[in-house]
Protein backbone atom coordinates (compact mmCIF):
# COMPACT_ATOMS: atom_id res chain seq x y z
CA UNK A 1 31.63 -2.90 -6.44
CA UNK A 2 28.74 -3.54 -4.09
CA UNK A 3 29.83 -3.84 -0.47
CA UNK A 4 27.25 -5.70 1.57
CA UNK A 5 27.30 -6.04 5.35
CA UNK A 6 24.96 -7.80 7.74
CA UNK A 7 24.17 -6.14 11.04
CA UNK A 8 22.20 -7.26 14.07
CA UNK A 9 21.23 -5.02 16.97
CA UNK A 10 22.07 -6.17 20.48
CA UNK A 11 20.02 -5.53 23.60
CA UNK A 12 23.01 -3.68 25.04
CA UNK A 13 22.73 -1.09 22.23
CA UNK A 14 25.71 -2.51 20.41
CA UNK A 15 25.85 -4.41 17.15
CA UNK A 16 27.24 -7.54 15.52
CA UNK A 17 28.51 -7.00 11.97
CA UNK A 18 30.11 -8.98 9.16
CA UNK A 19 30.90 -8.35 5.46
CA UNK A 20 29.19 -10.70 2.97
CA UNK A 21 29.82 -11.98 -0.53
CA UNK A 22 27.26 -12.20 -3.33
CA UNK A 23 26.06 -15.58 -2.04
CA UNK A 24 25.42 -14.16 1.42
CA UNK A 25 28.45 -15.86 3.02
CA UNK A 26 30.80 -14.04 5.42
CA UNK A 27 34.09 -12.89 3.94
CA UNK A 28 35.70 -12.09 7.31
CA UNK A 29 35.07 -12.86 10.97
CA UNK A 30 32.12 -11.09 12.59
CA UNK A 31 32.88 -8.15 14.86
CA UNK A 32 31.08 -6.69 17.85
CA UNK A 33 30.88 -2.94 18.35
CA UNK A 34 29.50 -1.09 21.37
CA UNK A 35 27.16 1.31 19.56
CA UNK A 36 24.90 0.46 16.62
CA UNK A 37 24.66 3.89 15.02
CA UNK A 38 28.40 4.51 15.19
CA UNK A 39 29.09 1.06 13.72
CA UNK A 40 26.99 1.94 10.69
CA UNK A 41 28.20 5.55 10.45
CA UNK A 42 31.83 4.43 10.40
CA UNK A 43 31.28 2.29 7.30
CA UNK A 44 30.21 4.78 4.59
CA UNK A 45 31.36 2.41 1.85
CA UNK A 46 28.60 -0.11 2.59
CA UNK A 47 26.03 0.11 -0.21
CA UNK A 48 23.48 -2.32 1.23
CA UNK A 49 22.83 -3.31 4.83
CA UNK A 50 21.32 -6.71 5.55
CA UNK A 51 19.26 -6.91 8.72
CA UNK A 52 16.44 -8.83 10.31
CA UNK A 53 13.89 -6.05 10.25
CA UNK A 54 14.02 -2.42 9.16
CA UNK A 55 11.47 -1.59 11.84
CA UNK A 56 13.84 -3.00 14.47
CA UNK A 57 16.99 -1.14 13.44
CA UNK A 58 16.34 1.85 11.19
CA UNK A 59 14.45 4.09 13.63
CA UNK A 60 17.45 3.86 15.96
CA UNK A 61 19.76 4.92 13.14
CA UNK A 62 17.51 7.81 12.12
CA UNK A 63 17.32 9.01 15.72
CA UNK A 64 21.13 9.16 15.69
CA UNK A 65 21.21 10.97 12.33
CA UNK A 66 22.47 7.96 10.36
CA UNK A 67 20.36 7.34 7.24
CA UNK A 68 21.26 4.48 4.91
CA UNK A 69 20.89 4.26 1.15
CA UNK A 70 19.78 0.63 0.77
CA UNK A 71 18.93 -2.36 2.87
CA UNK A 72 17.77 -5.96 2.62
CA UNK A 73 14.96 -6.69 5.08
CA UNK A 74 15.09 -10.41 5.88
CA UNK A 75 11.60 -10.65 7.34
CA UNK A 76 10.03 -8.71 4.47
CA UNK A 77 11.83 -11.02 2.04
CA UNK A 78 10.60 -14.08 3.92
CA UNK A 79 7.00 -12.94 3.56
CA UNK A 80 7.42 -12.43 -0.20
CA UNK A 81 9.16 -15.76 -0.68
CA UNK A 82 6.57 -17.66 1.35
CA UNK A 83 3.88 -16.13 -0.84
CA UNK A 84 5.74 -17.08 -4.00
CA UNK A 85 5.98 -20.65 -2.72
CA UNK A 86 2.24 -20.78 -2.07
CA UNK A 87 2.75 -20.64 1.70
CA UNK A 88 1.56 -17.13 2.48
CA UNK A 89 0.43 -16.91 6.08
CA UNK A 90 3.07 -19.16 7.57
CA UNK A 91 5.18 -17.40 10.24
CA UNK A 92 7.50 -14.93 8.56
CA UNK A 93 9.95 -14.07 11.34
CA UNK A 94 13.65 -14.80 10.92
CA UNK A 95 13.33 -17.28 13.79
CA UNK A 96 10.58 -19.11 11.92
CA UNK A 97 12.62 -19.13 8.71
CA UNK A 98 15.59 -20.62 10.57
CA UNK A 99 13.40 -23.27 12.17
CA UNK A 100 12.16 -24.29 8.72
CA UNK A 101 15.78 -24.59 7.57
CA UNK A 102 16.47 -27.00 10.44
CA UNK A 103 13.12 -28.77 9.98
CA UNK A 104 12.42 -27.89 13.60
CA UNK A 105 9.12 -26.74 15.16
CA UNK A 106 8.28 -23.32 13.74
CA UNK A 107 7.53 -20.62 16.32
CA UNK A 108 4.52 -18.38 15.69
CA UNK A 109 5.03 -14.76 14.81
CA UNK A 110 4.76 -12.32 17.71
CA UNK A 111 1.39 -10.65 18.18
CA UNK A 112 1.13 -7.35 16.28
CA UNK A 113 2.22 -4.43 18.42
CA UNK A 114 -0.25 -1.65 18.97
CA UNK A 115 0.84 1.75 17.71
CA UNK A 116 1.63 4.49 20.21
CA UNK A 117 -0.49 7.43 19.00
CA UNK A 118 1.43 10.55 18.10
CA UNK A 119 4.87 9.09 18.73
CA UNK A 120 7.71 8.32 16.42
CA UNK A 121 7.86 4.66 15.54
CA UNK A 122 8.85 2.35 18.37
CA UNK A 123 8.63 -0.79 16.28
CA UNK A 124 12.31 -1.34 16.94
CA UNK A 125 11.63 -2.23 20.57
CA UNK A 126 12.73 -5.83 21.24
CA UNK A 127 10.04 -8.41 20.60
CA UNK A 128 10.00 -11.39 22.92
CA UNK A 129 10.59 -14.76 21.34
CA UNK A 130 12.18 -13.41 18.15
CA UNK A 131 15.85 -13.22 19.13
CA UNK A 132 18.06 -15.21 16.77
CA UNK A 133 21.80 -15.87 16.97
CA UNK A 134 23.75 -13.85 14.41
CA UNK A 135 25.09 -16.94 12.66
CA UNK A 136 21.53 -18.26 12.30
CA UNK A 137 20.43 -14.95 10.78
CA UNK A 138 23.20 -15.27 8.19
CA UNK A 139 22.06 -18.80 7.35
CA UNK A 140 18.53 -17.53 6.73
CA UNK A 141 19.84 -14.77 4.45
CA UNK A 142 21.98 -17.13 2.37
CA UNK A 143 19.05 -19.51 2.02
CA UNK A 144 16.79 -16.67 0.89
CA UNK A 145 19.24 -15.72 -1.85
CA UNK A 146 19.13 -19.31 -3.10
CA UNK A 147 15.33 -19.30 -2.96
CA UNK A 148 15.27 -16.14 -5.06
CA UNK A 149 17.45 -17.89 -7.63
CA UNK A 150 15.03 -20.82 -7.72
CA UNK A 151 12.01 -18.73 -8.71
CA UNK A 152 10.72 -18.63 -12.28
CA UNK A 153 11.89 -15.03 -12.68
CA UNK A 154 14.81 -14.48 -10.27
CA UNK A 155 15.58 -11.00 -11.63
CA UNK A 156 12.05 -9.80 -11.00
CA UNK A 157 11.80 -11.45 -7.60
CA UNK A 158 15.07 -9.87 -6.48
CA UNK A 159 13.81 -6.50 -7.69
CA UNK A 160 10.57 -6.97 -5.74
CA UNK A 161 12.46 -7.76 -2.54
CA UNK A 162 14.80 -4.80 -3.05
CA UNK A 163 11.88 -2.44 -3.65
CA UNK A 164 9.94 -3.77 -0.65
CA UNK A 165 13.04 -3.20 1.48
CA UNK A 166 13.33 0.33 0.08
CA UNK A 167 9.70 0.89 1.00
CA UNK A 168 10.52 -0.08 4.58
CA UNK A 169 13.20 2.64 4.67
CA UNK A 170 10.77 5.21 3.28
CA UNK A 171 8.11 4.24 5.82
CA UNK A 172 10.49 4.75 8.73
CA UNK A 173 11.71 8.08 7.32
CA UNK A 174 8.16 9.36 6.80
CA UNK A 175 7.28 8.42 10.36
CA UNK A 176 10.25 10.39 11.65
CA UNK A 177 9.57 13.42 9.43
CA UNK A 178 5.82 13.47 10.11
CA UNK A 179 3.06 15.09 8.09
CA UNK A 180 2.78 18.81 8.97
CA UNK A 181 -0.43 19.30 10.96
CA UNK A 182 -1.95 22.47 12.43
CA UNK A 183 -3.87 21.47 15.56
CA UNK A 184 -5.49 24.92 15.81
CA UNK A 185 -6.87 24.66 12.28
CA UNK A 186 -8.13 21.14 12.98
CA UNK A 187 -9.99 22.36 16.08
CA UNK A 188 -11.55 25.20 14.09
CA UNK A 189 -12.75 22.73 11.44
CA UNK A 190 -14.30 20.47 14.07
CA UNK A 191 -16.05 23.43 15.69
CA UNK A 192 -17.39 24.51 12.30
CA UNK A 193 -18.66 21.03 11.40
CA UNK A 194 -19.74 19.60 14.73
CA UNK A 195 -20.43 22.52 17.02
CA UNK A 196 -19.83 22.49 20.75
CA UNK A 197 -18.76 19.37 22.58
CA UNK A 198 -21.01 18.00 25.30
CA UNK A 199 -19.45 16.08 28.16
CA UNK A 200 -20.13 12.37 27.79
CA UNK A 201 -22.20 12.73 24.63
CA UNK A 202 -22.26 13.65 20.97
CA UNK A 203 -21.37 17.18 19.84
CA UNK A 204 -24.21 19.62 19.23
CA UNK A 205 -24.61 19.18 15.46
CA UNK A 206 -24.80 15.39 15.71
CA UNK A 207 -27.39 15.66 18.48
CA UNK A 208 -29.45 18.00 16.30
CA UNK A 209 -29.29 15.66 13.30
CA UNK A 210 -30.22 12.68 15.49
CA UNK A 211 -33.31 14.58 16.60
CA UNK A 212 -34.19 15.33 12.96
CA UNK A 213 -33.90 11.65 12.07
CA UNK A 214 -36.13 10.65 14.97
CA UNK A 215 -38.69 13.31 14.07
CA UNK A 216 -38.80 12.07 10.47
CA UNK A 217 -39.59 8.54 11.64
CA UNK A 218 -42.01 9.69 14.36
CA UNK A 219 -40.21 7.84 17.15
CA UNK A 220 -36.78 7.71 18.76
CA UNK A 221 -34.11 6.23 16.47
CA UNK A 222 -30.38 5.84 17.11
CA UNK A 223 -28.76 6.85 13.78
CA UNK A 224 -25.40 5.52 15.00
CA UNK A 225 -26.87 1.99 15.14
CA UNK A 226 -27.44 0.55 11.64
CA UNK A 227 -29.80 -2.14 12.94
CA UNK A 228 -31.96 0.54 14.57
CA UNK A 229 -32.15 2.48 11.29
CA UNK A 230 -33.04 -0.64 9.26
CA UNK A 231 -35.84 -1.44 11.72
CA UNK A 232 -37.12 2.13 11.56
CA UNK A 233 -37.36 2.01 7.77
CA UNK A 234 -39.09 -1.37 8.06
CA UNK A 235 -41.71 0.11 10.36
CA UNK A 236 -42.22 2.81 7.73
CA UNK A 237 -42.86 0.13 5.10
CA UNK A 238 -39.47 0.48 3.38
CA UNK A 239 -37.20 -2.55 3.16
CA UNK A 240 -33.47 -1.79 3.19
CA UNK A 241 -30.57 -4.19 3.45
CA UNK A 242 -28.06 -1.74 4.87
CA UNK A 243 -27.47 1.91 5.72
CA UNK A 244 -24.87 2.44 3.02
CA UNK A 245 -25.10 5.84 1.42
CA UNK A 246 -25.80 4.63 -2.11
CA UNK A 247 -28.75 2.59 -0.87
CA UNK A 248 -30.15 5.40 1.26
CA UNK A 249 -29.96 7.90 -1.61
CA UNK A 250 -32.41 5.79 -3.60
CA UNK A 251 -35.10 6.13 -0.92
CA UNK A 252 -37.88 8.69 -0.78
CA UNK A 253 -38.17 9.44 2.93
CA UNK A 254 -37.63 12.62 5.00
CA UNK A 255 -35.11 10.84 7.25
CA UNK A 256 -32.65 10.27 4.40
CA UNK A 257 -31.08 13.75 4.23
CA UNK A 258 -30.33 14.17 7.96
CA UNK A 259 -29.28 10.51 8.21
CA UNK A 260 -26.68 10.82 5.44
CA UNK A 261 -25.38 14.04 6.95
CA UNK A 262 -25.25 12.42 10.40
CA UNK A 263 -23.26 9.46 9.08
CA UNK A 264 -20.74 11.76 7.39
CA UNK A 265 -20.19 13.89 10.50
CA UNK A 266 -20.24 10.92 12.86
CA UNK A 267 -17.36 9.35 10.95
CA UNK A 268 -15.34 12.57 11.20
CA UNK A 269 -16.08 12.80 14.93
CA UNK A 270 -15.06 9.21 15.68
CA UNK A 271 -12.17 8.85 13.20
CA UNK A 272 -10.61 12.35 13.17
CA UNK A 273 -12.26 14.23 16.00
CA UNK A 274 -10.91 15.86 19.16
CA UNK A 275 -9.76 12.56 20.69
CA UNK A 276 -7.84 11.66 17.52
CA UNK A 277 -6.20 15.09 17.48
CA UNK A 278 -5.12 14.75 21.10
CA UNK A 279 -3.78 11.24 20.57
CA UNK A 280 -2.04 11.50 17.21
CA UNK A 281 -0.67 15.02 16.66
CA UNK A 282 2.48 16.07 18.53
CA UNK A 283 4.65 19.12 17.95
CA UNK A 284 2.88 20.05 14.73
CA UNK A 285 3.28 16.61 13.13
CA UNK A 286 1.10 13.56 12.49
CA UNK A 287 3.30 10.46 12.53
CA UNK A 288 1.46 7.33 11.41
CA UNK A 289 3.21 3.98 11.35
CA UNK A 290 3.13 2.93 7.72
CA UNK A 291 3.14 -0.78 6.96
CA UNK A 292 4.51 -1.50 3.47
CA UNK A 293 2.89 -4.56 1.96
CA UNK A 294 0.15 -4.38 4.57
CA UNK A 295 -2.35 -5.92 2.14
CA UNK A 296 -1.90 -9.05 0.06
CA UNK A 297 -1.71 -6.95 -3.13
CA UNK A 298 1.23 -4.97 -1.75
CA UNK A 299 -0.67 -1.78 -0.99
CA UNK A 300 0.34 -0.06 2.22
CA UNK A 301 -1.68 0.18 5.39
CA UNK A 302 -1.07 2.00 8.66
CA UNK A 303 -0.98 0.77 12.23
CA UNK A 304 -3.70 3.04 13.60
CA UNK A 305 -4.31 6.73 12.98
CA UNK A 306 -6.36 6.48 9.78
CA UNK A 307 -3.67 8.19 7.70
CA UNK A 308 -4.97 6.69 4.46
CA UNK A 309 -8.55 7.87 5.01
CA UNK A 310 -8.13 11.57 5.81
CA UNK A 311 -11.38 13.33 4.77
CA UNK A 312 -10.92 16.28 2.43
CA UNK A 313 -12.36 18.72 4.94
CA UNK A 314 -9.81 17.59 7.56
CA UNK A 315 -6.99 18.03 5.04
CA UNK A 316 -7.37 21.75 5.69
CA UNK A 317 -5.28 21.10 8.82
CA UNK A 318 -2.35 19.73 6.79
CA UNK A 319 -0.41 22.97 6.35
CA UNK A 320 3.19 23.45 5.22
CA UNK A 321 5.64 25.14 7.55
CA UNK A 322 6.35 28.84 7.11
CA UNK A 323 8.36 29.31 3.90
CA UNK A 324 7.71 25.71 2.84
CA UNK A 325 5.25 24.08 0.43
CA UNK A 326 3.52 20.75 -0.03
CA UNK A 327 4.06 19.14 -3.43
CA UNK A 328 1.07 16.82 -3.87
CA UNK A 329 1.30 14.40 -6.80
CA UNK A 330 -1.39 11.99 -7.99
CA UNK A 331 -0.56 9.31 -10.55
CA UNK A 332 -2.99 9.71 -13.44
CA UNK A 333 -5.14 6.63 -14.18
CA UNK A 334 -2.41 4.42 -12.81
CA UNK A 335 -4.08 0.99 -12.95
CA UNK A 336 -5.22 1.20 -16.61
CA UNK A 337 -1.69 2.24 -17.55
CA UNK A 338 -0.30 -0.67 -15.57
CA UNK A 339 -2.66 -3.04 -17.41
CA UNK A 340 -1.27 -1.74 -20.70
CA UNK A 341 2.29 -2.39 -19.53
CA UNK A 342 1.76 -5.89 -18.13
CA UNK A 343 -0.49 -7.15 -20.96
CA UNK A 344 1.79 -5.77 -23.68
CA UNK A 345 -1.34 -4.98 -25.68
CA UNK A 346 -0.03 -2.77 -28.50
CA UNK A 347 -3.23 -0.80 -28.88
CA UNK A 348 -3.62 -0.07 -25.19
CA UNK A 349 0.07 0.76 -24.85
CA UNK A 350 -0.39 3.31 -27.63
CA UNK A 351 -3.33 4.85 -25.77
CA UNK A 352 -1.31 4.88 -22.52
CA UNK A 353 1.72 6.34 -24.26
CA UNK A 354 0.54 9.92 -23.79
CA UNK A 355 0.27 12.19 -20.78
CA UNK A 356 -3.29 13.27 -21.53
CA UNK A 357 -6.54 11.79 -20.24
CA UNK A 358 -6.38 8.07 -20.96
CA UNK A 359 -10.15 7.54 -21.02
CA UNK A 360 -10.65 10.27 -23.62
CA UNK A 361 -7.98 8.72 -25.84
CA UNK A 362 -9.58 5.31 -25.32
CA UNK A 363 -13.03 6.60 -26.20
CA UNK A 364 -11.75 8.08 -29.46
CA UNK A 365 -10.44 4.68 -30.54
CA UNK A 366 -13.15 2.28 -29.41
CA UNK A 367 -16.23 4.06 -28.03
CA UNK A 368 -17.15 6.76 -30.58
CA UNK A 369 -15.92 9.50 -28.27
CA UNK A 370 -18.00 8.38 -25.26
CA UNK A 371 -15.54 8.80 -22.37
CA UNK A 372 -17.92 7.44 -19.73
CA UNK A 373 -18.42 4.17 -21.61
CA UNK A 374 -14.68 3.87 -22.16
CA UNK A 375 -14.00 4.32 -18.46
CA UNK A 376 -16.71 1.84 -17.43
CA UNK A 377 -15.35 -0.74 -19.89
CA UNK A 378 -11.74 -0.49 -18.78
CA UNK A 379 -12.48 -0.47 -15.07
CA UNK A 380 -15.00 -3.25 -15.63
CA UNK A 381 -12.24 -5.36 -17.16
CA UNK A 382 -10.01 -4.74 -14.14
CA UNK A 383 -12.68 -5.15 -11.45
CA UNK A 384 -14.81 -7.83 -13.07
CA UNK A 385 -18.02 -6.03 -14.00
CA UNK A 386 -19.36 -8.50 -16.55
CA UNK A 387 -23.10 -7.87 -16.56
CA UNK A 388 -25.47 -5.23 -17.96
CA UNK A 389 -23.79 -2.27 -19.65
CA UNK A 390 -20.47 -3.51 -18.31
CA UNK A 391 -20.75 -6.65 -20.45
CA UNK A 392 -21.52 -4.68 -23.63
CA UNK A 393 -18.69 -2.25 -23.00
CA UNK A 394 -16.31 -5.10 -22.23
CA UNK A 395 -17.14 -6.74 -25.56
CA UNK A 396 -16.17 -3.54 -27.38
CA UNK A 397 -12.97 -3.34 -25.34
CA UNK A 398 -12.13 -6.97 -26.15
CA UNK A 399 -12.45 -6.35 -29.88
CA UNK A 400 -10.13 -3.36 -29.80
CA UNK A 401 -7.66 -4.48 -27.09
CA UNK A 402 -7.74 -8.28 -27.08
CA UNK A 403 -4.45 -8.91 -25.24
CA UNK A 404 -5.34 -6.59 -22.36
CA UNK A 405 -8.73 -8.20 -21.78
CA UNK A 406 -7.30 -11.71 -22.24
CA UNK A 407 -4.69 -10.96 -19.59
CA UNK A 408 -7.21 -10.19 -16.85
CA UNK A 409 -9.63 -12.86 -18.11
CA UNK A 410 -6.91 -15.48 -17.69
CA UNK A 411 -6.11 -14.20 -14.21
CA UNK A 412 -9.79 -14.55 -13.31
CA UNK A 413 -9.88 -18.07 -14.74
CA UNK A 414 -6.81 -19.01 -12.71
CA UNK A 415 -8.48 -17.75 -9.55
CA UNK A 416 -11.70 -19.60 -10.27
CA UNK A 417 -9.69 -22.80 -10.69
CA UNK A 418 -7.90 -22.27 -7.37
CA UNK A 419 -4.52 -21.42 -8.90
CA UNK A 420 -2.14 -18.71 -7.79
CA UNK A 421 -1.51 -15.55 -9.79
CA UNK A 422 1.39 -13.13 -9.57
CA UNK A 423 2.05 -9.47 -10.04
CA UNK A 424 4.57 -8.46 -12.70
CA UNK A 425 7.46 -8.63 -10.21
CA UNK A 426 6.24 -11.77 -8.48
CA UNK A 427 4.11 -10.90 -5.46
CA UNK A 428 1.71 -13.83 -5.21
CA UNK A 429 -1.98 -14.06 -4.42
CA UNK A 430 -3.14 -16.00 -1.35
CA UNK A 431 -4.02 -19.66 -1.83
CA UNK A 432 -7.67 -20.45 -2.38
CA UNK A 433 -9.65 -21.34 0.73
CA UNK A 434 -9.93 -25.06 1.23
CA UNK A 435 -7.79 -25.96 -1.77
CA UNK A 436 -5.33 -28.70 -1.02
CA UNK A 437 -3.45 -28.71 -4.35
CA UNK A 438 -3.28 -25.24 -5.83
CA UNK A 439 -1.46 -24.88 -9.10
CA UNK A 440 0.83 -21.95 -9.70
CA UNK A 441 -0.02 -19.32 -12.28
CA UNK A 442 3.10 -18.40 -14.20
CA UNK A 443 4.81 -15.03 -14.45
CA UNK A 444 3.80 -13.22 -17.66
CA UNK A 445 6.47 -13.25 -20.35
CA UNK A 446 7.93 -10.11 -21.86
CA UNK A 447 6.14 -10.65 -25.16
CA UNK A 448 2.72 -10.85 -23.57
CA UNK A 449 2.00 -14.40 -24.84
CA UNK A 450 2.23 -16.05 -21.44
CA UNK A 451 -0.86 -15.01 -19.45
CA UNK A 452 -1.02 -14.89 -15.64
CA UNK A 453 -3.09 -18.04 -15.31
CA UNK A 454 -0.86 -20.31 -17.39
CA UNK A 455 1.65 -22.81 -16.11
CA UNK A 456 1.69 -25.15 -13.16
CA UNK A 457 3.87 -25.49 -10.14
CA UNK A 458 4.38 -27.00 -6.73
CA UNK A 459 1.45 -27.71 -4.46
CA UNK A 460 0.52 -24.97 -2.04
CA UNK A 461 -0.73 -25.11 1.49
CA UNK A 462 -4.35 -24.23 0.90
CA UNK A 463 -5.36 -24.39 4.55
CA UNK A 464 -4.67 -20.70 5.11
CA UNK A 465 -6.48 -17.74 3.64
CA UNK A 466 -4.93 -14.34 4.49
CA UNK A 467 -7.04 -11.25 3.96
CA UNK A 468 -9.15 -12.81 1.24
CA UNK A 469 -11.04 -16.06 1.46
CA UNK A 470 -14.03 -17.33 -0.44
CA UNK A 471 -15.32 -20.70 -1.48
CA UNK A 472 -17.13 -18.87 -4.27
CA UNK A 473 -14.99 -19.52 -7.34
CA UNK A 474 -16.34 -16.52 -9.23
CA UNK A 475 -15.64 -14.21 -6.32
CA UNK A 476 -12.07 -15.45 -6.19
CA UNK A 477 -11.83 -14.96 -9.94
CA UNK A 478 -12.83 -11.31 -9.53
CA UNK A 479 -10.19 -10.99 -6.83
CA UNK A 480 -7.36 -12.48 -8.91
CA UNK A 481 -8.44 -10.45 -11.97
CA UNK A 482 -7.89 -7.29 -9.98
CA UNK A 483 -4.87 -8.63 -8.06
CA UNK A 484 -2.59 -8.86 -11.11
CA UNK A 485 -3.28 -5.21 -11.97
CA UNK A 486 -3.53 -3.63 -8.53
CA UNK A 487 -0.57 -5.62 -7.26
CA UNK A 488 1.57 -4.71 -10.28
CA UNK A 489 0.63 -1.07 -9.66
CA UNK A 490 1.92 -1.52 -6.10
CA UNK A 491 5.16 -2.92 -7.59
CA UNK A 492 5.53 0.26 -9.64
CA UNK A 493 4.72 2.49 -6.66
CA UNK A 494 7.48 0.96 -4.55
CA UNK A 495 10.03 1.71 -7.25
CA UNK A 496 8.61 5.22 -7.61
CA UNK A 497 9.27 5.83 -3.91
CA UNK A 498 12.76 4.38 -4.15
CA UNK A 499 13.63 6.52 -7.18
CA UNK A 500 12.16 9.69 -5.68
CA UNK A 501 13.91 9.14 -2.35
CA UNK A 502 17.23 8.66 -4.14
CA UNK A 503 16.83 11.73 -6.35
CA UNK A 504 15.92 14.03 -3.45
CA UNK A 505 18.94 12.83 -1.48
CA UNK A 506 21.33 12.94 -4.43
CA UNK A 507 20.32 16.52 -5.21
CA UNK A 508 21.09 17.58 -1.64
CA UNK A 509 17.59 18.95 -1.12
CA UNK A 510 15.98 19.63 2.24
CA UNK A 511 12.74 18.20 0.85
CA UNK A 512 11.17 15.28 2.73
CA UNK A 513 8.73 12.59 1.68
CA UNK A 514 5.94 12.90 4.25
CA UNK A 515 2.95 10.96 2.88
CA UNK A 516 2.16 8.10 0.55
CA UNK A 517 -0.86 6.08 -0.44
CA UNK A 518 -1.19 3.84 -3.44
CA UNK A 519 -1.34 6.55 -6.16
CA UNK A 520 -0.35 9.71 -4.29
CA UNK A 521 2.79 11.16 -2.71
CA UNK A 522 3.35 14.36 -0.75
CA UNK A 523 6.75 16.01 -0.43
CA UNK A 524 7.28 18.82 2.10
CA UNK A 525 9.96 21.20 0.87
CA UNK A 526 11.24 24.77 1.04
CA UNK A 527 9.34 26.98 -1.41
CA UNK A 528 12.41 27.47 -3.60
CA UNK A 529 12.80 23.69 -4.05
CA UNK A 530 9.21 23.06 -5.18
CA UNK A 531 9.79 23.09 -8.94
CA UNK A 532 12.81 20.82 -8.57
CA UNK A 533 10.65 18.40 -6.57
CA UNK A 534 7.91 18.46 -9.22
CA UNK A 535 10.45 17.46 -11.86
CA UNK A 536 11.93 14.82 -9.55
CA UNK A 537 8.51 13.21 -9.12
CA UNK A 538 7.91 13.19 -12.87
CA UNK A 539 11.30 11.63 -13.56
CA UNK A 540 10.87 9.08 -10.76
CA UNK A 541 7.54 7.94 -12.23
CA UNK A 542 9.06 7.34 -15.64
CA UNK A 543 12.13 5.60 -14.20
CA UNK A 544 9.89 3.39 -12.07
CA UNK A 545 7.92 2.45 -15.19
CA UNK A 546 11.05 1.39 -17.07
CA UNK A 547 12.55 -0.41 -14.08
CA UNK A 548 9.37 -2.30 -13.27
CA UNK A 549 8.01 -3.18 -16.70
CA UNK A 550 10.97 -2.75 -19.03
CA UNK A 551 10.96 -0.50 -22.07
CA UNK A 552 7.37 0.13 -23.18
CA UNK A 553 5.60 3.13 -24.72
CA UNK A 554 3.49 3.49 -21.56
CA UNK A 555 3.79 6.77 -19.70
CA UNK A 556 3.11 7.30 -16.00
CA UNK A 557 2.25 11.01 -15.65
CA UNK A 558 1.20 12.86 -12.51
CA UNK A 559 -1.19 15.65 -11.69
CA UNK A 560 0.94 17.78 -9.40
CA UNK A 561 0.02 20.75 -7.22
CA UNK A 562 2.30 23.00 -5.17
CA UNK A 563 0.16 24.23 -2.27
CA UNK A 564 0.28 25.67 1.21
CA UNK A 565 -2.36 23.25 2.51
CA UNK A 566 -3.29 19.74 1.43
CA UNK A 567 -6.98 20.51 0.86
CA UNK A 568 -6.07 23.01 -1.89
CA UNK A 569 -4.53 20.26 -4.04
CA UNK A 570 -7.81 18.66 -5.07
């Protein structure tokens, strides 16, 4: 039987606690205990803790050596429910949720806290203006359970909230564990790439490349200033719109080679140079603050540190401890496999039902063995490339896999019409900019007949546009086309993390999850545990597929490497 308790941290360091029933109502009087960690530790029978915010409470528990198996994060749930109700962007704090219950003025969310470079997460520090009486917190929780029940697919929405809450636990645990990082190796890499540092200026290699760029143009040019570079090309009779690499590579000019090299090294210097190393690496660990659901599609972000954009050359500094290994696992062609699962297209599910290269299998069935055309067609369907070769390839894909293409086409149509779309579990796209009466795109049905742009629902508050806003209907259509696939992939990834975390703990391993981005995980483990971890990742991927999408033929394989340093994995 599930035993569920609510807990709230007190400024004194103590805690308020109460057991709850399935409807979120107290089954006994609340108690006050003097020490939060001990209050949780002394209740090993609790299978799920309900609290305002994982970031507020869990780092304190981890610091005291008290991990928990499951939680329900009220503020994470509020964000998901607001999105589902077409109100994404309204204040998501527990205090705001309680004010809405009382039809009282809704307080704004606190300003985002800046990360403290190199430190373990301090997100649990009290935030002014967000304190809420314990009884009020319980009212918010009970109301959220009822709101889950009122959704079109309560089972999926509850699973989404549970997996988002699990992701919050993983994020806090990865921050505490830290990614192994050799500062001495990092410094050697910077010396090799950038040369000596000059006080108050660029390192030697950047200064040399800047001189080469200026010499190529015949006058002084600042390669770190895009507007200066565009003007320099204009003076040379070459019109460019930007200094993006793909545009520069098409030009025939002697400044192009040193300019591209300068841009590459400049980014390393500013994003992962000596200052970054000094700020972010402590005691052999890089500890970014992960933010689950940091984007509207559910993909994670980080609060500073650039953890999700570590250049390959800098990955040489990510080195396992002595006697340990890094198990680096990449999900193979994740988004096309997700499209197969959510569209229920029998042909595409058959293609995605094998561990081998999906694009090769696809090309054998629809593109006369041309893998490149198969890849362009499938990614074009997901990302909305509907012109030129993309249009021809898409037509071939539509003939062979009609349900898959119809699924994303309908999502695009819904977006163009200003309606909401949802991921498989129910994460909802932002309302269209300037739309005062957005319809609701329905959750796809198990049989694949109900597409993500069908159905109608309650009006949404269209005055807010979080993360994505465009009055261009076609641009929004491209966004919603991708949202239903990328967001459903994020649904799967959350359940992957939850399953992997559980299996590592249940097996009594010393292995630790230390890194995650949307299709990649890294586990740091003793050398003798590596093969067990590889199998655990494989099993977690398959379990996540079944849990997220139900029983389908679709497989979710990984390319896995057991390495001493991160850069050797790819």
